[in-house]
PDB file of N, CA and C in Angstrom:
ATOM      1  N   MET A   1      -3.754 -15.233  -6.530  1.00  0.00           N
ATOM      2  CA  MET A   1      -2.565 -15.834  -7.076  1.00  0.00           C
ATOM      3  C   MET A   1      -1.460 -15.748  -6.010  1.00  0.00           C
ATOM      4  N   TYR A   2      -0.703 -16.825  -5.902  1.00  0.00           N
ATOM      5  CA  TYR A   2       0.418 -16.820  -4.958  1.00  0.00           C
ATOM      6  C   TYR A   2       1.555 -15.962  -5.508  1.00  0.00           C
ATOM      7  N   ILE A   3       2.023 -15.050  -4.671  1.00  0.00           N
ATOM      8  CA  ILE A   3       3.154 -14.192  -5.020  1.00  0.00           C
ATOM      9  C   ILE A   3       4.410 -14.744  -4.370  1.00  0.00           C
ATOM     10  N   CYS A   4       4.316 -15.089  -3.101  1.00  0.00           N
ATOM     11  CA  CYS A   4       5.445 -15.666  -2.366  1.00  0.00           C
ATOM     12  C   CYS A   4       5.096 -17.113  -2.032  1.00  0.00           C
ATOM     13  N   VAL A   5       5.676 -18.027  -2.774  1.00  0.00           N
ATOM     14  CA  VAL A   5       5.397 -19.446  -2.577  1.00  0.00           C
ATOM     15  C   VAL A   5       6.034 -19.937  -1.268  1.00  0.00           C
ATOM     16  N   CYS A   6       7.194 -19.424  -0.940  1.00  0.00           N
ATOM     17  CA  CYS A   6       7.885 -19.861   0.277  1.00  0.00           C
ATOM     18  C   CYS A   6       7.042 -19.631   1.531  1.00  0.00           C
ATOM     19  N   LYS A   7       6.360 -18.502   1.591  1.00  0.00           N
ATOM     20  CA  LYS A   7       5.560 -18.140   2.758  1.00  0.00           C
ATOM     21  C   LYS A   7       4.063 -18.293   2.509  1.00  0.00           C
ATOM     22  N   GLY A   8       3.670 -18.648   1.298  1.00  0.00           N
ATOM     23  CA  GLY A   8       2.259 -18.839   0.979  1.00  0.00           C
ATOM     24  C   GLY A   8       1.459 -17.546   0.970  1.00  0.00           C
ATOM     25  N   VAL A   9       2.058 -16.466   0.476  1.00  0.00           N
ATOM     26  CA  VAL A   9       1.418 -15.149   0.472  1.00  0.00           C
ATOM     27  C   VAL A   9       0.814 -14.881  -0.904  1.00  0.00           C
ATOM     28  N   THR A  10      -0.457 -14.478  -0.900  1.00  0.00           N
ATOM     29  CA  THR A  10      -1.158 -14.192  -2.157  1.00  0.00           C
ATOM     30  C   THR A  10      -1.182 -12.690  -2.438  1.00  0.00           C
ATOM     31  N   ASP A  11      -1.546 -12.363  -3.677  1.00  0.00           N
ATOM     32  CA  ASP A  11      -1.696 -10.953  -4.039  1.00  0.00           C
ATOM     33  C   ASP A  11      -2.803 -10.309  -3.201  1.00  0.00           C
ATOM     34  N   HIS A  12      -3.830 -11.076  -2.896  1.00  0.00           N
ATOM     35  CA  HIS A  12      -4.929 -10.562  -2.066  1.00  0.00           C
ATOM     36  C   HIS A  12      -4.409 -10.175  -0.672  1.00  0.00           C
ATOM     37  N   ALA A  13      -3.575 -10.998  -0.086  1.00  0.00           N
ATOM     38  CA  ALA A  13      -3.017 -10.703   1.244  1.00  0.00           C
ATOM     39  C   ALA A  13      -2.161  -9.442   1.208  1.00  0.00           C
ATOM     40  N   ILE A  14      -1.416  -9.273   0.123  1.00  0.00           N
ATOM     41  CA  ILE A  14      -0.580  -8.071  -0.019  1.00  0.00           C
ATOM     42  C   ILE A  14      -1.466  -6.842  -0.136  1.00  0.00           C
ATOM     43  N   ARG A  15      -2.508  -6.921  -0.961  1.00  0.00           N
ATOM     44  CA  ARG A  15      -3.429  -5.789  -1.117  1.00  0.00           C
ATOM     45  C   ARG A  15      -4.087  -5.427   0.220  1.00  0.00           C
ATOM     46  N   GLN A  16      -4.518  -6.435   0.949  1.00  0.00           N
ATOM     47  CA  GLN A  16      -5.142  -6.191   2.254  1.00  0.00           C
ATOM     48  C   GLN A  16      -4.165  -5.492   3.201  1.00  0.00           C
ATOM     49  N   ALA A  17      -2.920  -5.939   3.198  1.00  0.00           N
ATOM     50  CA  ALA A  17      -1.917  -5.320   4.073  1.00  0.00           C
ATOM     51  C   ALA A  17      -1.700  -3.855   3.702  1.00  0.00           C
ATOM     52  N   VAL A  18      -1.668  -3.563   2.406  1.00  0.00           N
ATOM     53  CA  VAL A  18      -1.484  -2.174   1.960  1.00  0.00           C
ATOM     54  C   VAL A  18      -2.693  -1.335   2.364  1.00  0.00           C
ATOM     55  N   LEU A  19      -3.884  -1.860   2.188  1.00  0.00           N
ATOM     56  CA  LEU A  19      -5.088  -1.129   2.568  1.00  0.00           C
ATOM     57  C   LEU A  19      -5.160  -0.898   4.071  1.00  0.00           C
ATOM     58  N   GLN A  20      -4.476  -1.749   4.834  1.00  0.00           N
ATOM     59  CA  GLN A  20      -4.449  -1.605   6.287  1.00  0.00           C
ATOM     60  C   GLN A  20      -3.251  -0.803   6.776  1.00  0.00           C
ATOM     61  N   GLY A  21      -2.458  -0.253   5.831  1.00  0.00           N
ATOM     62  CA  GLY A  21      -1.401   0.661   6.245  1.00  0.00           C
ATOM     63  C   GLY A  21       0.015   0.340   5.824  1.00  0.00           C
ATOM     64  N   ALA A  22       0.267  -0.829   5.255  1.00  0.00           N
ATOM     65  CA  ALA A  22       1.635  -1.127   4.794  1.00  0.00           C
ATOM     66  C   ALA A  22       1.976  -0.180   3.645  1.00  0.00           C
ATOM     67  N   GLU A  23       3.091   0.489   3.747  1.00  0.00           N
ATOM     68  CA  GLU A  23       3.477   1.482   2.748  1.00  0.00           C
ATOM     69  C   GLU A  23       4.717   1.082   1.947  1.00  0.00           C
ATOM     70  N   ARG A  24       5.540   0.213   2.511  1.00  0.00           N
ATOM     71  CA  ARG A  24       6.820  -0.128   1.894  1.00  0.00           C
ATOM     72  C   ARG A  24       7.035  -1.632   1.904  1.00  0.00           C
ATOM     73  N   MET A  25       8.011  -2.071   1.129  1.00  0.00           N
ATOM     74  CA  MET A  25       8.376  -3.485   1.101  1.00  0.00           C
ATOM     75  C   MET A  25       8.751  -3.950   2.507  1.00  0.00           C
ATOM     76  N   ARG A  26       9.414  -3.115   3.237  1.00  0.00           N
ATOM     77  CA  ARG A  26       9.815  -3.429   4.612  1.00  0.00           C
ATOM     78  C   ARG A  26       8.598  -3.754   5.474  1.00  0.00           C
ATOM     79  N   ASP A  27       7.506  -3.007   5.268  1.00  0.00           N
ATOM     80  CA  ASP A  27       6.267  -3.262   6.017  1.00  0.00           C
ATOM     81  C   ASP A  27       5.688  -4.624   5.653  1.00  0.00           C
ATOM     82  N   LEU A  28       5.694  -4.946   4.356  1.00  0.00           N
ATOM     83  CA  LEU A  28       5.164  -6.230   3.904  1.00  0.00           C
ATOM     84  C   LEU A  28       6.023  -7.392   4.409  1.00  0.00           C
ATOM     85  N   LYS A  29       7.317  -7.174   4.462  1.00  0.00           N
ATOM     86  CA  LYS A  29       8.208  -8.206   4.987  1.00  0.00           C
ATOM     87  C   LYS A  29       7.913  -8.451   6.470  1.00  0.00           C
ATOM     88  N   ALA A  30       7.681  -7.379   7.200  1.00  0.00           N
ATOM     89  CA  ALA A  30       7.419  -7.502   8.636  1.00  0.00           C
ATOM     90  C   ALA A  30       6.084  -8.181   8.925  1.00  0.00           C
ATOM     91  N   CYS A  31       5.055  -7.840   8.157  1.00  0.00           N
ATOM     92  CA  CYS A  31       3.732  -8.384   8.499  1.00  0.00           C
ATOM     93  C   CYS A  31       3.385  -9.672   7.763  1.00  0.00           C
ATOM     94  N   LEU A  32       3.967  -9.906   6.593  1.00  0.00           N
ATOM     95  CA  LEU A  32       3.622 -11.101   5.821  1.00  0.00           C
ATOM     96  C   LEU A  32       4.786 -12.068   5.625  1.00  0.00           C
ATOM     97  N   GLY A  33       6.000 -11.576   5.796  1.00  0.00           N
ATOM     98  CA  GLY A  33       7.162 -12.432   5.627  1.00  0.00           C
ATOM     99  C   GLY A  33       7.653 -12.566   4.198  1.00  0.00           C
ATOM    100  N   VAL A  34       7.110 -11.766   3.278  1.00  0.00           N
ATOM    101  CA  VAL A  34       7.564 -11.863   1.884  1.00  0.00           C
ATOM    102  C   VAL A  34       9.036 -11.492   1.779  1.00  0.00           C
ATOM    103  N   THR A  35       9.731 -12.073   0.845  1.00  0.00           N
ATOM    104  CA  THR A  35      11.154 -11.878   0.522  1.00  0.00           C
ATOM    105  C   THR A  35      12.116 -12.391   1.586  1.00  0.00           C
ATOM    106  N   GLU A  36      11.632 -13.081   2.615  1.00  0.00           N
ATOM    107  CA  GLU A  36      12.528 -13.574   3.664  1.00  0.00           C
ATOM    108  C   GLU A  36      13.290 -14.828   3.263  1.00  0.00           C
ATOM    109  N   GLN A  37      12.734 -15.630   2.382  1.00  0.00           N
ATOM    110  CA  GLN A  37      13.377 -16.893   2.028  1.00  0.00           C
ATOM    111  C   GLN A  37      14.268 -16.705   0.789  1.00  0.00           C
ATOM    112  N   CYS A  38      13.740 -17.049  -0.370  1.00  0.00           N
ATOM    113  CA  CYS A  38      14.563 -17.029  -1.583  1.00  0.00           C
ATOM    114  C   CYS A  38      14.621 -15.658  -2.254  1.00  0.00           C
ATOM    115  N   GLY A  39      13.615 -14.814  -2.033  1.00  0.00           N
ATOM    116  CA  GLY A  39      13.617 -13.464  -2.598  1.00  0.00           C
ATOM    117  C   GLY A  39      13.093 -13.347  -4.020  1.00  0.00           C
ATOM    118  N   LEU A  40      12.694 -14.456  -4.635  1.00  0.00           N
ATOM    119  CA  LEU A  40      12.204 -14.405  -6.013  1.00  0.00           C
ATOM    120  C   LEU A  40      10.888 -13.634  -6.131  1.00  0.00           C
ATOM    121  N   CYS A  41      10.174 -13.473  -5.042  1.00  0.00           N
ATOM    122  CA  CYS A  41       8.880 -12.795  -5.072  1.00  0.00           C
ATOM    123  C   CYS A  41       9.003 -11.274  -5.004  1.00  0.00           C
ATOM    124  N   ALA A  42      10.182 -10.752  -4.778  1.00  0.00           N
ATOM    125  CA  ALA A  42      10.352  -9.314  -4.538  1.00  0.00           C
ATOM    126  C   ALA A  42       9.799  -8.452  -5.662  1.00  0.00           C
ATOM    127  N   CYS A  43      10.076  -8.807  -6.894  1.00  0.00           N
ATOM    128  CA  CYS A  43       9.632  -8.005  -8.042  1.00  0.00           C
ATOM    129  C   CYS A  43       8.112  -7.968  -8.124  1.00  0.00           C
ATOM    130  N   HIS A  44       7.477  -9.123  -7.999  1.00  0.00           N
ATOM    131  CA  HIS A  44       6.017  -9.170  -8.081  1.00  0.00           C
ATOM    132  C   HIS A  44       5.356  -8.528  -6.856  1.00  0.00           C
ATOM    133  N   THR A  45       5.972  -8.695  -5.708  1.00  0.00           N
ATOM    134  CA  THR A  45       5.453  -8.060  -4.502  1.00  0.00           C
ATOM    135  C   THR A  45       5.464  -6.555  -4.655  1.00  0.00           C
ATOM    136  N   LYS A  46       6.554  -6.018  -5.152  1.00  0.00           N
ATOM    137  CA  LYS A  46       6.683  -4.567  -5.366  1.00  0.00           C
ATOM    138  C   LYS A  46       5.643  -4.080  -6.361  1.00  0.00           C
ATOM    139  N   MET A  47       5.383  -4.853  -7.398  1.00  0.00           N
ATOM    140  CA  MET A  47       4.396  -4.478  -8.401  1.00  0.00           C
ATOM    141  C   MET A  47       2.997  -4.395  -7.774  1.00  0.00           C
ATOM    142  N   VAL A  48       2.625  -5.386  -6.983  1.00  0.00           N
ATOM    143  CA  VAL A  48       1.315  -5.384  -6.325  1.00  0.00           C
ATOM    144  C   VAL A  48       1.237  -4.234  -5.320  1.00  0.00           C
ATOM    145  N   LEU A  49       2.312  -3.999  -4.588  1.00  0.00           N
ATOM    146  CA  LEU A  49       2.373  -2.892  -3.637  1.00  0.00           C
ATOM    147  C   LEU A  49       2.135  -1.562  -4.345  1.00  0.00           C
ATOM    148  N   ASP A  50       2.862  -1.312  -5.420  1.00  0.00           N
ATOM    149  CA  ASP A  50       2.733  -0.049  -6.149  1.00  0.00           C
ATOM    150  C   ASP A  50       1.337   0.134  -6.741  1.00  0.00           C
ATOM    151  N   GLN A  51       0.790  -0.925  -7.334  1.00  0.00           N
ATOM    152  CA  GLN A  51      -0.555  -0.851  -7.917  1.00  0.00           C
ATOM    153  C   GLN A  51      -1.598  -0.540  -6.847  1.00  0.00           C
ATOM    154  N   THR A  52      -1.500  -1.203  -5.726  1.00  0.00           N
ATOM    155  CA  THR A  52      -2.482  -1.016  -4.663  1.00  0.00           C
ATOM    156  C   THR A  52      -2.364   0.358  -4.034  1.00  0.00           C
ATOM    157  N   ARG A  53      -1.151   0.835  -3.842  1.00  0.00           N
ATOM    158  CA  ARG A  53      -0.964   2.181  -3.301  1.00  0.00           C
ATOM    159  C   ARG A  53      -1.559   3.224  -4.242  1.00  0.00           C
ATOM    160  N   LYS A  54      -1.366   3.029  -5.543  1.00  0.00           N
ATOM    161  CA  LYS A  54      -1.916   3.956  -6.530  1.00  0.00           C
ATOM    162  C   LYS A  54      -3.446   3.925  -6.486  1.00  0.00           C
ATOM    163  N   GLN A  55      -4.036   2.744  -6.448  1.00  0.00           N
ATOM    164  CA  GLN A  55      -5.498   2.613  -6.374  1.00  0.00           C
ATOM    165  C   GLN A  55      -6.031   3.231  -5.084  1.00  0.00           C
ATOM    166  N   LYS A  56      -5.309   3.036  -4.011  1.00  0.00           N
ATOM    167  CA  LYS A  56      -5.716   3.586  -2.714  1.00  0.00           C
ATOM    168  C   LYS A  56      -5.715   5.114  -2.769  1.00  0.00           C
ATOM    169  N   THR A  57      -4.705   5.687  -3.393  1.00  0.00           N
ATOM    170  CA  THR A  57      -4.608   7.136  -3.519  1.00  0.00           C
ATOM    171  C   THR A  57      -5.727   7.683  -4.389  1.00  0.00           C
ATOM    172  N   LEU A  58      -6.010   7.020  -5.498  1.00  0.00           N
ATOM    173  CA  LEU A  58      -7.072   7.474  -6.398  1.00  0.00           C
ATOM    174  C   LEU A  58      -8.454   7.347  -5.773  1.00  0.00           C
ATOM    175  N   ALA A  59      -8.636   6.406  -4.871  1.00  0.00           N
ATOM    176  CA  ALA A  59      -9.936   6.172  -4.248  1.00  0.00           C
ATOM    177  C   ALA A  59     -10.239   7.171  -3.136  1.00  0.00           C
ATOM    178  N   GLN A  60      -9.206   7.821  -2.617  1.00  0.00           N
ATOM    179  CA  GLN A  60      -9.413   8.764  -1.529  1.00  0.00           C
ATOM    180  C   GLN A  60      -9.963  10.074  -2.086  1.00  0.00           C
ATOM    181  N   PRO A  61     -10.968  10.635  -1.414  1.00  0.00           N
ATOM    182  CA  PRO A  61     -11.481  11.927  -1.874  1.00  0.00           C
ATOM    183  C   PRO A  61     -10.421  13.003  -1.666  1.00  0.00           C
ATOM    184  N   PRO A  62     -10.410  14.003  -2.543  1.00  0.00           N
ATOM    185  CA  PRO A  62      -9.405  15.069  -2.376  1.00  0.00           C
ATOM    186  C   PRO A  62      -9.632  15.802  -1.056  1.00  0.00           C
ATOM    187  N   SER A  63      -8.548  16.202  -0.446  1.00  0.00           N
ATOM    188  CA  SER A  63      -8.673  16.916   0.817  1.00  0.00           C
ATOM    189  C   SER A  63      -9.194  18.319   0.540  1.00  0.00           C
ATOM    190  N   PRO A  64     -10.031  18.835   1.413  1.00  0.00           N
ATOM    191  CA  PRO A  64     -10.613  20.160   1.177  1.00  0.00           C
ATOM    192  C   PRO A  64      -9.557  21.253   1.276  1.00  0.00           C
ATOM    193  N   GLU A  65      -9.794  22.320   0.529  1.00  0.00           N
ATOM    194  CA  GLU A  65      -8.904  23.476   0.588  1.00  0.00           C
ATOM    195  C   GLU A  65      -9.028  24.109   1.969  1.00  0.00           C
ATOM    196  N   PRO A  66      -7.924  24.584   2.511  1.00  0.00           N
ATOM    197  CA  PRO A  66      -8.032  25.271   3.802  1.00  0.00           C
ATOM    198  C   PRO A  66      -8.845  26.551   3.626  1.00  0.00           C
ATOM    199  N   THR A  67      -9.724  26.794   4.538  1.00  0.00           N
ATOM    200  CA  THR A  67     -10.560  27.990   4.443  1.00  0.00           C
ATOM    201  C   THR A  67      -9.938  29.119   5.235  1.00  0.00           C
ATOM    202  N   ARG A  68     -10.092  30.302   4.674  1.00  0.00           N
ATOM    203  CA  ARG A  68      -9.611  31.492   5.365  1.00  0.00           C
ATOM    204  C   ARG A  68     -10.820  32.215   5.920  1.00  0.00           C
ATOM    205  N   PRO A  69     -10.692  32.773   7.093  1.00  0.00           N
ATOM    206  CA  PRO A  69     -11.822  33.531   7.632  1.00  0.00           C
ATOM    207  C   PRO A  69     -12.110  34.724   6.723  1.00  0.00           C
ATOM    208  N   HIS A  70     -13.374  35.031   6.575  1.00  0.00           N
ATOM    209  CA  HIS A  70     -13.763  36.169   5.747  1.00  0.00           C
ATOM    210  C   HIS A  70     -13.345  37.458   6.436  1.00  0.00           C
ATOM    211  N   GLU A  71     -12.797  38.348   5.638  1.00  0.00           N
ATOM    212  CA  GLU A  71     -12.418  39.648   6.186  1.00  0.00           C
ATOM    213  C   GLU A  71     -13.640  40.561   6.128  1.00  0.00           C
ATOM    214  N   SER A  72     -13.921  41.195   7.194  1.00  0.00           N
ATOM    215  CA  SER A  72     -15.068  42.105   7.193  1.00  0.00           C
ATOM    216  C   SER A  72     -14.600  43.518   6.887  1.00  0.00           C
ATOM    217  N   ILE A  73     -15.449  44.223   6.180  1.00  0.00           N
ATOM    218  CA  ILE A  73     -15.142  45.609   5.827  1.00  0.00           C
ATOM    219  C   ILE A  73     -15.816  46.501   6.859  1.00  0.00           C
ATOM    220  N   ILE A  74     -15.014  47.331   7.481  1.00  0.00           N
ATOM    221  CA  ILE A  74     -15.568  48.219   8.513  1.00  0.00           C
ATOM    222  C   ILE A  74     -15.535  49.628   8.017  1.00  0.00           C
TER     223      ILE A  74
END
């Protein structure tokens, strides 16, 4: 679905950008050009950004607990 009609940006393109490292609206504006023209896409762009970031976080395996060296009893 087109999110930014002015620049021809789809929700798929936004998701791909987030998966490739875009973290903020500023990043999406820089790499895709969203919100540069009329700005009507800002709300929907933010929604797709937030959803994708959440999915990306949930898909990542939890980081392992830091291990402490075993103390030996002498």
